[in-house]
């Protein structure tokens, strides 16, 4: 899903490398009471990389 969003954004900017290198798509993964942040970017303009954040526990009320 993150890559699909980045491709859509790339189409909107006509794949201008200078702008593409600055874009990031952000996503949250929820599972039970846990949550993790993920980021996808394209720093060189042709290879994507994924950064996985820490897993956070959501308080149980």
Foldseek 3Di string as FASTA:
>chain_A
DQVVVLVVVCVVVVLPQVVQLVDKGWDWDDDDQKIKIKIWGDNRSPDIDMDIGDIDGHDDD
